[in-house]
C-alpha atoms as a PDB file:
ATOM      1  CA  MET A   1     107.496 131.801  61.890  1.00  0.00           C
ATOM      2  CA  ARG A   2     104.190 131.501  63.523  1.00  0.00           C
ATOM      3  CA  ALA A   3     103.722 132.392  67.127  1.00  0.00           C
ATOM      4  CA  ALA A   4     100.634 132.807  69.476  1.00  0.00           C
ATOM      5  CA  ARG A   5     100.999 136.341  71.080  1.00  0.00           C
ATOM      6  CA  LEU A   6      99.737 137.879  74.087  1.00  0.00           C
ATOM      7  CA  ASN A   7      99.137 141.511  73.296  1.00  0.00           C
ATOM      8  CA  ASN A   8      97.041 142.594  76.467  1.00  0.00           C
ATOM      9  CA  TYR A   9      95.838 141.242  79.531  1.00  0.00           C
ATOM     10  CA  SER A  10      92.153 140.230  79.937  1.00  0.00           C
ATOM     11  CA  LYS A  11      90.233 138.579  82.624  1.00  0.00           C
ATOM     12  CA  LYS A  12      87.476 137.355  80.235  1.00  0.00           C
ATOM     13  CA  ASP A  13      87.141 136.876  76.376  1.00  0.00           C
ATOM     14  CA  PHE A  14      90.868 136.944  75.711  1.00  0.00           C
ATOM     15  CA  GLN A  15      92.395 135.683  72.486  1.00  0.00           C
ATOM     16  CA  LEU A  16      96.013 134.919  71.773  1.00  0.00           C
ATOM     17  CA  SER A  17      96.840 136.392  68.210  1.00  0.00           C
ATOM     18  CA  ILE A  18      98.674 134.112  65.789  1.00  0.00           C
ATOM     19  CA  GLU A  19     101.173 136.249  64.096  1.00  0.00           C
ATOM     20  CA  GLN A  20     104.234 135.962  61.873  1.00  0.00           C
ATOM     21  CA  ILE A  21     107.387 137.081  63.653  1.00  0.00           C
ATOM     22  CA  GLU A  22     111.188 136.733  63.080  1.00  0.00           C
ATOM     23  CA  LYS A  23     112.654 133.417  63.693  1.00  0.00           C
ATOM     24  CA  PRO A  24     114.795 133.789  66.764  1.00  0.00           C
ATOM     25  CA  LYS A  25     118.789 133.222  66.867  1.00  0.00           C
ATOM     26  CA  PRO A  26     120.369 131.341  69.894  1.00  0.00           C
ATOM     27  CA  ASN A  27     123.116 133.151  71.802  1.00  0.00           C
ATOM     28  CA  ALA A  28     126.223 131.329  72.768  1.00  0.00           C
ATOM     29  CA  GLN A  29     124.723 129.221  75.658  1.00  0.00           C
ATOM     30  CA  GLU A  30     121.349 128.655  73.854  1.00  0.00           C
ATOM     31  CA  VAL A  31     119.918 126.015  71.348  1.00  0.00           C
ATOM     32  CA  LEU A  32     117.395 126.743  68.567  1.00  0.00           C
ATOM     33  CA  VAL A  33     114.429 124.235  68.834  1.00  0.00           C
ATOM     34  CA  LYS A  34     111.960 123.338  66.183  1.00  0.00           C
ATOM     35  CA  VAL A  35     108.871 122.969  68.402  1.00  0.00           C
ATOM     36  CA  SER A  36     106.636 119.867  67.611  1.00  0.00           C
ATOM     37  CA  MET A  37     104.111 119.946  70.516  1.00  0.00           C
ATOM     38  CA  ALA A  38     103.468 122.282  73.473  1.00  0.00           C
ATOM     39  CA  GLY A  39     101.542 121.599  76.459  1.00  0.00           C
ATOM     40  CA  VAL A  40      98.547 123.955  77.565  1.00  0.00           C
ATOM     41  CA  ASN A  41      98.330 124.727  81.165  1.00  0.00           C
ATOM     42  CA  PRO A  42      96.119 126.594  83.717  1.00  0.00           C
ATOM     43  CA  LEU A  43      99.261 128.841  84.160  1.00  0.00           C
ATOM     44  CA  ASP A  44      98.886 130.047  80.406  1.00  0.00           C
ATOM     45  CA  ASN A  45      95.368 131.321  81.435  1.00  0.00           C
ATOM     46  CA  MET A  46      96.472 132.889  84.564  1.00  0.00           C
ATOM     47  CA  ILE A  47      99.256 134.750  82.715  1.00  0.00           C
ATOM     48  CA  THR A  48      96.816 135.999  79.952  1.00  0.00           C
ATOM     49  CA  ALA A  49      94.496 137.204  82.688  1.00  0.00           C
ATOM     50  CA  GLY A  50      97.206 139.121  84.350  1.00  0.00           C
ATOM     51  CA  GLU A  51      97.074 137.075  87.473  1.00  0.00           C
ATOM     52  CA  VAL A  52     100.812 136.509  87.864  1.00  0.00           C
ATOM     53  CA  LYS A  53     102.081 140.139  87.077  1.00  0.00           C
ATOM     54  CA  LEU A  54     103.115 140.562  90.579  1.00  0.00           C
ATOM     55  CA  ILE A  55     105.413 137.439  90.312  1.00  0.00           C
ATOM     56  CA  VAL A  56     106.548 137.917  86.795  1.00  0.00           C
ATOM     57  CA  PRO A  57     105.781 141.197  85.159  1.00  0.00           C
ATOM     58  CA  TYR A  58     105.805 140.313  81.349  1.00  0.00           C
ATOM     59  CA  LYS A  59     106.391 143.111  78.956  1.00  0.00           C
ATOM     60  CA  LEU A  60     103.785 142.931  76.305  1.00  0.00           C
ATOM     61  CA  PRO A  61     103.449 141.726  73.485  1.00  0.00           C
ATOM     62  CA  VAL A  62     104.963 138.502  74.302  1.00  0.00           C
ATOM     63  CA  THR A  63     104.649 134.962  72.785  1.00  0.00           C
ATOM     64  CA  ALA A  64     102.837 132.808  75.218  1.00  0.00           C
ATOM     65  CA  GLY A  65     103.510 129.137  76.128  1.00  0.00           C
ATOM     66  CA  ASN A  66     105.234 127.449  79.016  1.00  0.00           C
ATOM     67  CA  GLU A  67     106.376 123.927  78.001  1.00  0.00           C
ATOM     68  CA  PHE A  68     107.288 122.157  74.830  1.00  0.00           C
ATOM     69  CA  VAL A  69     109.028 119.244  73.079  1.00  0.00           C
ATOM     70  CA  GLY A  70     111.171 119.724  69.938  1.00  0.00           C
ATOM     71  CA  VAL A  71     114.268 118.988  68.016  1.00  0.00           C
ATOM     72  CA  ILE A  72     117.461 121.133  68.265  1.00  0.00           C
ATOM     73  CA  GLU A  73     118.092 122.603  64.928  1.00  0.00           C
ATOM     74  CA  SER A  74     121.227 124.671  65.935  1.00  0.00           C
ATOM     75  CA  ILE A  75     123.276 125.393  68.759  1.00  0.00           C
ATOM     76  CA  GLY A  76     125.314 128.330  70.096  1.00  0.00           C
ATOM     77  CA  LYS A  77     129.143 128.365  70.105  1.00  0.00           C
ATOM     78  CA  ASP A  78     129.493 127.658  73.868  1.00  0.00           C
ATOM     79  CA  VAL A  79     126.762 124.762  73.965  1.00  0.00           C
ATOM     80  CA  THR A  80     128.471 121.601  75.165  1.00  0.00           C
ATOM     81  CA  LYS A  81     125.777 119.444  76.661  1.00  0.00           C
ATOM     82  CA  TYR A  82     123.641 118.983  73.445  1.00  0.00           C
ATOM     83  CA  GLN A  83     123.906 118.534  69.738  1.00  0.00           C
ATOM     84  CA  VAL A  84     121.828 119.187  66.668  1.00  0.00           C
ATOM     85  CA  GLY A  85     119.166 116.681  66.246  1.00  0.00           C
ATOM     86  CA  ASP A  86     118.578 115.982  70.050  1.00  0.00           C
ATOM     87  CA  ARG A  87     114.986 115.723  70.966  1.00  0.00           C
ATOM     88  CA  ILE A  88     114.566 117.643  73.960  1.00  0.00           C
ATOM     89  CA  TYR A  89     111.814 119.132  76.191  1.00  0.00           C
ATOM     90  CA  ALA A  90     111.607 121.835  78.856  1.00  0.00           C
ATOM     91  CA  ARG A  91     109.464 124.317  81.015  1.00  0.00           C
ATOM     92  CA  MET A  92     110.318 127.707  79.592  1.00  0.00           C
ATOM     93  CA  PRO A  93     112.259 130.129  82.078  1.00  0.00           C
ATOM     94  CA  LEU A  94     109.900 132.363  83.929  1.00  0.00           C
ATOM     95  CA  ASP A  95     111.325 135.467  82.366  1.00  0.00           C
ATOM     96  CA  LYS A  96     111.399 134.016  78.792  1.00  0.00           C
ATOM     97  CA  ILE A  97     108.123 132.156  78.053  1.00  0.00           C
ATOM     98  CA  GLY A  98     107.305 131.360  74.397  1.00  0.00           C
ATOM     99  CA  ALA A  99     106.474 127.773  73.750  1.00  0.00           C
ATOM    100  CA  PHE A 100     103.395 128.646  71.582  1.00  0.00           C
ATOM    101  CA  ALA A 101     105.610 129.026  68.383  1.00  0.00           C
ATOM    102  CA  GLU A 102     107.196 127.088  65.740  1.00  0.00           C
ATOM    103  CA  TYR A 103     110.707 127.858  66.846  1.00  0.00           C
ATOM    104  CA  LEU A 104     112.157 129.067  70.182  1.00  0.00           C
ATOM    105  CA  THR A 105     115.739 129.525  71.917  1.00  0.00           C
ATOM    106  CA  ILE A 106     116.513 128.380  75.312  1.00  0.00           C
ATOM    107  CA  ASP A 107     119.574 128.071  77.412  1.00  0.00           C
ATOM    108  CA  GLN A 108     121.173 124.632  77.423  1.00  0.00           C
ATOM    109  CA  ASN A 109     120.908 124.504  81.210  1.00  0.00           C
ATOM    110  CA  GLU A 110     117.001 124.619  81.125  1.00  0.00           C
ATOM    111  CA  ILE A 111     116.448 121.688  78.903  1.00  0.00           C
ATOM    112  CA  ALA A 112     116.567 117.719  79.067  1.00  0.00           C
ATOM    113  CA  LEU A 113     116.669 114.815  76.714  1.00  0.00           C
ATOM    114  CA  VAL A 114     113.093 113.338  76.256  1.00  0.00           C
ATOM    115  CA  PRO A 115     112.631 109.694  77.610  1.00  0.00           C
ATOM    116  CA  ARG A 116     113.043 107.446  74.482  1.00  0.00           C
ATOM    117  CA  TYR A 117     109.820 105.636  74.981  1.00  0.00           C
ATOM    118  CA  LEU A 118     107.428 108.881  75.184  1.00  0.00           C
ATOM    119  CA  SER A 119     105.913 110.163  71.923  1.00  0.00           C
ATOM    120  CA  ASP A 120     106.185 113.936  71.302  1.00  0.00           C
ATOM    121  CA  GLU A 121     102.648 114.100  72.307  1.00  0.00           C
ATOM    122  CA  GLU A 122     103.160 112.491  75.569  1.00  0.00           C
ATOM    123  CA  ALA A 123     106.520 114.253  76.178  1.00  0.00           C
ATOM    124  CA  ALA A 124     104.871 117.654  75.894  1.00  0.00           C
ATOM    125  CA  SER A 125     102.544 116.913  78.772  1.00  0.00           C
ATOM    126  CA  VAL A 126     105.596 116.306  81.231  1.00  0.00           C
ATOM    127  CA  PRO A 127     107.948 119.371  81.876  1.00  0.00           C
ATOM    128  CA  LEU A 128     105.811 121.893  83.657  1.00  0.00           C
ATOM    129  CA  THR A 129     103.646 119.369  85.701  1.00  0.00           C
ATOM    130  CA  ALA A 130     106.492 116.941  86.493  1.00  0.00           C
ATOM    131  CA  LEU A 131     108.806 119.894  87.618  1.00  0.00           C
ATOM    132  CA  THR A 132     105.990 121.144  89.805  1.00  0.00           C
ATOM    133  CA  ALA A 133     105.659 117.855  91.507  1.00  0.00           C
ATOM    134  CA  TYR A 134     109.506 117.326  91.831  1.00  0.00           C
ATOM    135  CA  GLN A 135     110.115 120.897  93.214  1.00  0.00           C
ATOM    136  CA  ALA A 136     107.041 120.534  95.693  1.00  0.00           C
ATOM    137  CA  LEU A 137     108.656 117.261  97.081  1.00  0.00           C
ATOM    138  CA  GLU A 138     111.832 118.957  97.504  1.00  0.00           C
ATOM    139  CA  LEU A 139     110.207 121.926  99.299  1.00  0.00           C
ATOM    140  CA  LEU A 140     108.604 119.371 101.763  1.00  0.00           C
ATOM    141  CA  LYS A 141     111.803 117.702 102.220  1.00  0.00           C
ATOM    142  CA  VAL A 142     110.146 114.371 101.993  1.00  0.00           C
ATOM    143  CA  LYS A 143     111.718 111.275 103.428  1.00  0.00           C
ATOM    144  CA  PRO A 144     111.174 107.537 101.978  1.00  0.00           C
ATOM    145  CA  GLY A 145     108.577 105.624 104.011  1.00  0.00           C
ATOM    146  CA  GLU A 146     106.409 108.704 104.956  1.00  0.00           C
ATOM    147  CA  THR A 147     102.899 109.342 103.791  1.00  0.00           C
ATOM    148  CA  ILE A 148     101.739 112.216 101.318  1.00  0.00           C
ATOM    149  CA  PHE A 149      98.175 113.220 100.508  1.00  0.00           C
ATOM    150  CA  ILE A 150      97.706 114.676  97.157  1.00  0.00           C
ATOM    151  CA  SER A 151      94.297 116.437  96.907  1.00  0.00           C
ATOM    152  CA  GLY A 152      92.275 116.033  93.804  1.00  0.00           C
ATOM    153  CA  GLY A 153      95.001 113.689  92.264  1.00  0.00           C
ATOM    154  CA  THR A 154      92.876 112.326  89.455  1.00  0.00           C
ATOM    155  CA  GLY A 155      93.866 115.149  86.981  1.00  0.00           C
ATOM    156  CA  GLY A 156      96.880 116.016  84.874  1.00  0.00           C
ATOM    157  CA  PHE A 157      99.025 116.868  87.968  1.00  0.00           C
ATOM    158  CA  GLY A 158      98.228 113.881  89.783  1.00  0.00           C
ATOM    159  CA  ALA A 159      99.238 111.808  86.802  1.00  0.00           C
ATOM    160  CA  MET A 160     102.725 113.057  87.156  1.00  0.00           C
ATOM    161  CA  ALA A 161     102.978 113.577  90.880  1.00  0.00           C
ATOM    162  CA  ILE A 162     101.746 110.161  92.023  1.00  0.00           C
ATOM    163  CA  PRO A 163     104.574 108.114  90.226  1.00  0.00           C
ATOM    164  CA  ILE A 164     107.234 110.668  91.155  1.00  0.00           C
ATOM    165  CA  ALA A 165     106.220 110.684  94.785  1.00  0.00           C
ATOM    166  CA  LYS A 166     106.395 106.716  94.640  1.00  0.00           C
ATOM    167  CA  ALA A 167     109.886 107.129  93.185  1.00  0.00           C
ATOM    168  CA  PHE A 168     110.695 109.332  96.279  1.00  0.00           C
ATOM    169  CA  GLY A 169     109.625 106.290  98.336  1.00  0.00           C
ATOM    170  CA  LEU A 170     106.517 107.808  99.732  1.00  0.00           C
ATOM    171  CA  LYS A 171     103.026 106.207 100.573  1.00  0.00           C
ATOM    172  CA  VAL A 172     100.622 108.050  98.350  1.00  0.00           C
ATOM    173  CA  ILE A 173      96.955 108.799  99.216  1.00  0.00           C
ATOM    174  CA  THR A 174      94.728 110.821  96.864  1.00  0.00           C
ATOM    175  CA  ASN A 175      90.959 111.500  96.488  1.00  0.00           C
ATOM    176  CA  GLY A 176      88.666 112.069  93.408  1.00  0.00           C
ATOM    177  CA  SER A 177      85.845 110.387  91.554  1.00  0.00           C
ATOM    178  CA  LYS A 178      85.358 106.712  91.230  1.00  0.00           C
ATOM    179  CA  GLU A 179      85.615 106.853  87.421  1.00  0.00           C
ATOM    180  CA  ASN A 180      89.328 107.530  87.817  1.00  0.00           C
ATOM    181  CA  LYS A 181      90.089 105.195  90.717  1.00  0.00           C
ATOM    182  CA  GLU A 182      91.523 102.329  88.702  1.00  0.00           C
ATOM    183  CA  ARG A 183      93.795 104.710  86.676  1.00  0.00           C
ATOM    184  CA  VAL A 184      95.359 106.311  89.612  1.00  0.00           C
ATOM    185  CA  LEU A 185      95.771 102.860  91.348  1.00  0.00           C
ATOM    186  CA  ALA A 186      97.730 101.834  88.408  1.00  0.00           C
ATOM    187  CA  LEU A 187      99.858 104.879  88.801  1.00  0.00           C
ATOM    188  CA  GLY A 188     100.902 103.585  92.401  1.00  0.00           C
ATOM    189  CA  VAL A 189      98.372 105.174  94.687  1.00  0.00           C
ATOM    190  CA  ASP A 190      98.250 103.258  98.057  1.00  0.00           C
ATOM    191  CA  GLN A 191      94.843 104.767  99.131  1.00  0.00           C
ATOM    192  CA  PHE A 192      92.213 106.225  97.148  1.00  0.00           C
ATOM    193  CA  ILE A 193      89.290 108.152  98.784  1.00  0.00           C
ATOM    194  CA  ASP A 194      86.009 108.613  96.650  1.00  0.00           C
ATOM    195  CA  TYR A 195      85.076 112.181  97.439  1.00  0.00           C
ATOM    196  CA  ARG A 196      81.611 111.586  96.808  1.00  0.00           C
ATOM    197  CA  TYR A 197      81.137 109.027  99.645  1.00  0.00           C
ATOM    198  CA  GLU A 198      84.007 109.830 102.061  1.00  0.00           C
ATOM    199  CA  ASP A 199      85.326 113.045 103.509  1.00  0.00           C
ATOM    200  CA  TYR A 200      89.099 112.865 103.630  1.00  0.00           C
ATOM    201  CA  THR A 201      89.185 114.935 106.823  1.00  0.00           C
ATOM    202  CA  LYS A 202      87.063 112.053 108.584  1.00  0.00           C
ATOM    203  CA  VAL A 203      89.432 109.331 107.114  1.00  0.00           C
ATOM    204  CA  LEU A 204      92.853 110.802 107.374  1.00  0.00           C
ATOM    205  CA  ASN A 205      95.047 112.161 110.272  1.00  0.00           C
ATOM    206  CA  ASP A 206      98.633 112.489 111.202  1.00  0.00           C
ATOM    207  CA  ILE A 207      99.761 112.827 107.491  1.00  0.00           C
ATOM    208  CA  ASP A 208     103.313 113.737 107.079  1.00  0.00           C
ATOM    209  CA  TYR A 209     103.089 115.981 104.023  1.00  0.00           C
ATOM    210  CA  VAL A 210     100.170 117.230 101.838  1.00  0.00           C
ATOM    211  CA  ILE A 211     100.332 118.702  98.131  1.00  0.00           C
ATOM    212  CA  ASP A 212      97.208 120.988  97.791  1.00  0.00           C
ATOM    213  CA  THR A 213      95.832 121.273  94.154  1.00  0.00           C
ATOM    214  CA  LEU A 214      92.431 122.601  95.178  1.00  0.00           C
ATOM    215  CA  GLY A 215      92.932 125.947  97.166  1.00  0.00           C
ATOM    216  CA  GLY A 216      90.098 127.910  98.949  1.00  0.00           C
ATOM    217  CA  ASP A 217      88.231 126.044 101.699  1.00  0.00           C
ATOM    218  CA  GLU A 218      89.834 122.779 100.635  1.00  0.00           C
ATOM    219  CA  LEU A 219      93.292 124.102 101.643  1.00  0.00           C
ATOM    220  CA  ILE A 220      92.050 125.170 105.006  1.00  0.00           C
ATOM    221  CA  LYS A 221      90.644 121.559 105.531  1.00  0.00           C
ATOM    222  CA  GLN A 222      93.967 119.972 104.489  1.00  0.00           C
ATOM    223  CA  PHE A 223      95.810 121.533 107.613  1.00  0.00           C
ATOM    224  CA  THR A 224      93.509 119.336 109.761  1.00  0.00           C
ATOM    225  CA  ILE A 225      94.751 116.145 108.462  1.00  0.00           C
ATOM    226  CA  LEU A 226      98.454 117.179 108.669  1.00  0.00           C
ATOM    227  CA  LYS A 227     100.440 115.871 111.709  1.00  0.00           C
ATOM    228  CA  GLU A 228     102.136 118.275 114.118  1.00  0.00           C
ATOM    229  CA  GLY A 229     105.346 119.418 112.500  1.00  0.00           C
ATOM    230  CA  GLY A 230     104.102 118.488 108.972  1.00  0.00           C
ATOM    231  CA  ALA A 231     104.446 120.412 105.873  1.00  0.00           C
ATOM    232  CA  ILE A 232     101.988 121.492 103.079  1.00  0.00           C
ATOM    233  CA  VAL A 233     102.642 122.949  99.640  1.00  0.00           C
ATOM    234  CA  SER A 234      99.827 124.537  97.667  1.00  0.00           C
ATOM    235  CA  LEU A 235      99.525 125.127  93.958  1.00  0.00           C
ATOM    236  CA  LYS A 236      96.441 127.368  94.428  1.00  0.00           C
ATOM    237  CA  GLY A 237      96.657 128.934  97.770  1.00  0.00           C
ATOM    238  CA  GLY A 238      98.190 132.428  98.346  1.00  0.00           C
ATOM    239  CA  PRO A 239     101.859 133.272  98.245  1.00  0.00           C
ATOM    240  CA  ASN A 240     103.567 134.103 101.527  1.00  0.00           C
ATOM    241  CA  ARG A 241     106.626 135.668 102.760  1.00  0.00           C
ATOM    242  CA  SER A 242     108.870 132.670 102.500  1.00  0.00           C
ATOM    243  CA  PHE A 243     107.926 132.265  98.893  1.00  0.00           C
ATOM    244  CA  ALA A 244     108.641 135.783  98.091  1.00  0.00           C
ATOM    245  CA  LYS A 245     112.161 135.340  99.631  1.00  0.00           C
ATOM    246  CA  ARG A 246     112.867 132.091  97.858  1.00  0.00           C
ATOM    247  CA  MET A 247     111.929 133.884  94.493  1.00  0.00           C
ATOM    248  CA  ASN A 248     114.156 136.828  95.339  1.00  0.00           C
ATOM    249  CA  LEU A 249     111.387 139.439  95.064  1.00  0.00           C
ATOM    250  CA  SER A 250     111.538 143.032  96.065  1.00  0.00           C
ATOM    251  CA  PHE A 251     111.020 144.198  99.607  1.00  0.00           C
ATOM    252  CA  PHE A 252     107.534 145.666  98.645  1.00  0.00           C
ATOM    253  CA  LYS A 253     106.444 142.329  97.066  1.00  0.00           C
ATOM    254  CA  THR A 254     108.037 140.416 100.062  1.00  0.00           C
ATOM    255  CA  PHE A 255     105.940 142.569 102.392  1.00  0.00           C
ATOM    256  CA  LEU A 256     102.692 142.224 100.349  1.00  0.00           C
ATOM    257  CA  PHE A 257     102.944 138.341 100.007  1.00  0.00           C
ATOM    258  CA  GLY A 258     103.471 138.228 103.681  1.00  0.00           C
ATOM    259  CA  MET A 259     100.270 139.880 104.258  1.00  0.00           C
ATOM    260  CA  VAL A 260      98.660 137.805 101.598  1.00  0.00           C
ATOM    261  CA  GLY A 261      99.966 134.535 103.059  1.00  0.00           C
ATOM    262  CA  ARG A 262      99.628 135.482 106.742  1.00  0.00           C
ATOM    263  CA  ARG A 263      96.497 133.448 107.145  1.00  0.00           C
ATOM    264  CA  PHE A 264      98.096 130.197 106.088  1.00  0.00           C
ATOM    265  CA  ASP A 265     101.276 130.828 107.980  1.00  0.00           C
ATOM    266  CA  LYS A 266      99.309 131.600 111.194  1.00  0.00           C
ATOM    267  CA  LEU A 267      97.200 128.442 110.764  1.00  0.00           C
ATOM    268  CA  ALA A 268     100.236 126.234 110.147  1.00  0.00           C
ATOM    269  CA  SER A 269     102.002 127.810 113.211  1.00  0.00           C
ATOM    270  CA  GLN A 270      99.227 126.284 115.557  1.00  0.00           C
ATOM    271  CA  LYS A 271     100.654 122.809 115.290  1.00  0.00           C
ATOM    272  CA  ASN A 272     104.296 123.631 114.262  1.00  0.00           C
ATOM    273  CA  GLN A 273     103.462 123.083 110.518  1.00  0.00           C
ATOM    274  CA  THR A 274     104.965 124.684 107.655  1.00  0.00           C
ATOM    275  CA  TYR A 275     103.089 126.242 104.712  1.00  0.00           C
ATOM    276  CA  HIS A 276     104.696 126.615 101.175  1.00  0.00           C
ATOM    277  CA  PHE A 277     103.354 128.226  97.985  1.00  0.00           C
ATOM    278  CA  ILE A 278     104.836 126.971  94.702  1.00  0.00           C
ATOM    279  CA  PHE A 279     105.307 128.703  91.391  1.00  0.00           C
ATOM    280  CA  VAL A 280     107.336 126.261  89.230  1.00  0.00           C
ATOM    281  CA  LYS A 281     110.588 127.305  87.827  1.00  0.00           C
ATOM    282  CA  SER A 282     112.624 125.806  84.848  1.00  0.00           C
ATOM    283  CA  ASP A 283     115.605 123.451  85.801  1.00  0.00           C
ATOM    284  CA  GLY A 284     117.293 121.261  83.352  1.00  0.00           C
ATOM    285  CA  LYS A 285     119.042 119.200  85.957  1.00  0.00           C
ATOM    286  CA  GLN A 286     115.821 118.383  87.838  1.00  0.00           C
ATOM    287  CA  LEU A 287     114.076 117.645  84.519  1.00  0.00           C
ATOM    288  CA  SER A 288     116.927 115.198  83.569  1.00  0.00           C
ATOM    289  CA  ASN A 289     116.320 113.544  87.011  1.00  0.00           C
ATOM    290  CA  ILE A 290     112.633 113.205  85.984  1.00  0.00           C
ATOM    291  CA  SER A 291     113.535 111.709  82.778  1.00  0.00           C
ATOM    292  CA  LYS A 292     115.526 109.139  84.579  1.00  0.00           C
ATOM    293  CA  ILE A 293     112.652 108.436  86.908  1.00  0.00           C
ATOM    294  CA  PHE A 294     110.403 107.891  83.853  1.00  0.00           C
ATOM    295  CA  GLU A 295     112.816 105.801  82.025  1.00  0.00           C
ATOM    296  CA  GLU A 296     113.156 103.481  85.174  1.00  0.00           C
ATOM    297  CA  ASN A 297     109.505 103.353  85.949  1.00  0.00           C
ATOM    298  CA  GLN A 298     108.207 103.578  82.288  1.00  0.00           C
ATOM    299  CA  ILE A 299     105.565 106.093  83.594  1.00  0.00           C
ATOM    300  CA  LYS A 300     102.805 106.716  81.137  1.00  0.00           C
ATOM    301  CA  ALA A 301     101.973 110.340  80.513  1.00  0.00           C
ATOM    302  CA  SER A 302      98.339 111.248  80.325  1.00  0.00           C
ATOM    303  CA  VAL A 303      97.096 113.130  77.223  1.00  0.00           C
ATOM    304  CA  ASP A 304      93.591 114.306  77.197  1.00  0.00           C
ATOM    305  CA  LYS A 305      93.097 116.145  73.716  1.00  0.00           C
ATOM    306  CA  VAL A 306      95.315 117.400  70.981  1.00  0.00           C
ATOM    307  CA  PHE A 307      94.561 120.597  69.128  1.00  0.00           C
ATOM    308  CA  ASP A 308      96.071 122.065  66.020  1.00  0.00           C
ATOM    309  CA  PHE A 309      98.053 125.231  66.555  1.00  0.00           C
ATOM    310  CA  LYS A 310      95.447 127.228  64.856  1.00  0.00           C
ATOM    311  CA  ASP A 311      92.997 126.291  67.514  1.00  0.00           C
ATOM    312  CA  ILE A 312      95.079 127.457  70.466  1.00  0.00           C
ATOM    313  CA  ASN A 313      92.351 129.637  71.900  1.00  0.00           C
ATOM    314  CA  LEU A 314      89.956 126.481  71.733  1.00  0.00           C
ATOM    315  CA  ALA A 315      92.679 124.638  73.797  1.00  0.00           C
ATOM    316  CA  LEU A 316      93.109 127.390  76.399  1.00  0.00           C
ATOM    317  CA  ASP A 317      89.304 127.668  76.769  1.00  0.00           C
ATOM    318  CA  LYS A 318      89.182 123.798  77.272  1.00  0.00           C
ATOM    319  CA  VAL A 319      91.894 124.034  79.996  1.00  0.00           C
ATOM    320  CA  LYS A 320      90.030 126.974  81.688  1.00  0.00           C
ATOM    321  CA  ASN A 321      86.507 125.540  81.570  1.00  0.00           C
ATOM    322  CA  GLY A 322      86.588 121.864  81.079  1.00  0.00           C
ATOM    323  CA  ARG A 323      87.294 118.766  83.123  1.00  0.00           C
ATOM    324  CA  SER A 324      90.304 116.746  82.134  1.00  0.00           C
ATOM    325  CA  SER A 325      91.832 113.419  82.658  1.00  0.00           C
ATOM    326  CA  GLY A 326      95.222 114.478  81.253  1.00  0.00           C
ATOM    327  CA  LYS A 327      97.203 117.256  79.417  1.00  0.00           C
ATOM    328  CA  THR A 328      95.881 119.322  76.749  1.00  0.00           C
ATOM    329  CA  ILE A 329      98.423 119.620  73.903  1.00  0.00           C
ATOM    330  CA  ILE A 330      98.861 121.782  70.768  1.00  0.00           C
ATOM    331  CA  LYS A 331     100.689 120.469  67.744  1.00  0.00           C
ATOM    332  CA  PHE A 332     102.463 122.309  64.886  1.00  0.00           C
END
């Protein structure tokens, strides 16, 4: 079968290599999936650049790719939750990526049935981003009726996070360019801030929760709009001690990440706030809950562009360098 392989880390001018490798066989708890589409994410570029080695040290060469949709072709002897022919999707486990391949094997507890109304193209855009949003909301311990600010919510993450946050019963505020205003309002946003004309730090205060998608100076600014005792989770800020402990990392890495995230923890402590960093994990049960939310609310998945598998490096380059109004997908 064909697979896109990462043979060495590189921070620039990297290329995944499309190679012929042996078709995998499922163990007792796994299913064999014929992949139809795979989502391309900033995480794929981060892995290729070696930026997540401290969190997940992959042994190279490795088949790349973190999320997919496909059909179960065969099942292991102990698989009870799914059957041959089921259309499923998933975020690959942290220690076993490999979605950029014609076939893959994955544990039955990591997958979920695809909402019936979604095409394969749409479904491939869901698992990683939706699980990130879902796990972020769980980390924040959100309560219905309270308010969340999702920074830069007009991209692919916001397209998932906004309707899921609404399903959790939250009032949702986001910012972005006016070209995307109507689209995110249709997703359920209660308040939209055009970043070109309004500074959200001047408009907002006493916000219960924040999901930061921007990092850097913007992350620091978002602490100022958060209420005393509020909580913030960042997709781009640095990991901290609580993240390392949650991920069951070694003592050395816990100490190291404690030093990295000290700045944010100290900032949060000034107003009894809580800072979280998130690195999304696979979870079939959570993804099944997401499927139910999608079915109940008929959430639309935003797809930007679809590339043929042979153009995987062009897809990665687009995600790395281009602006997007939705997910980039590769098809087999």
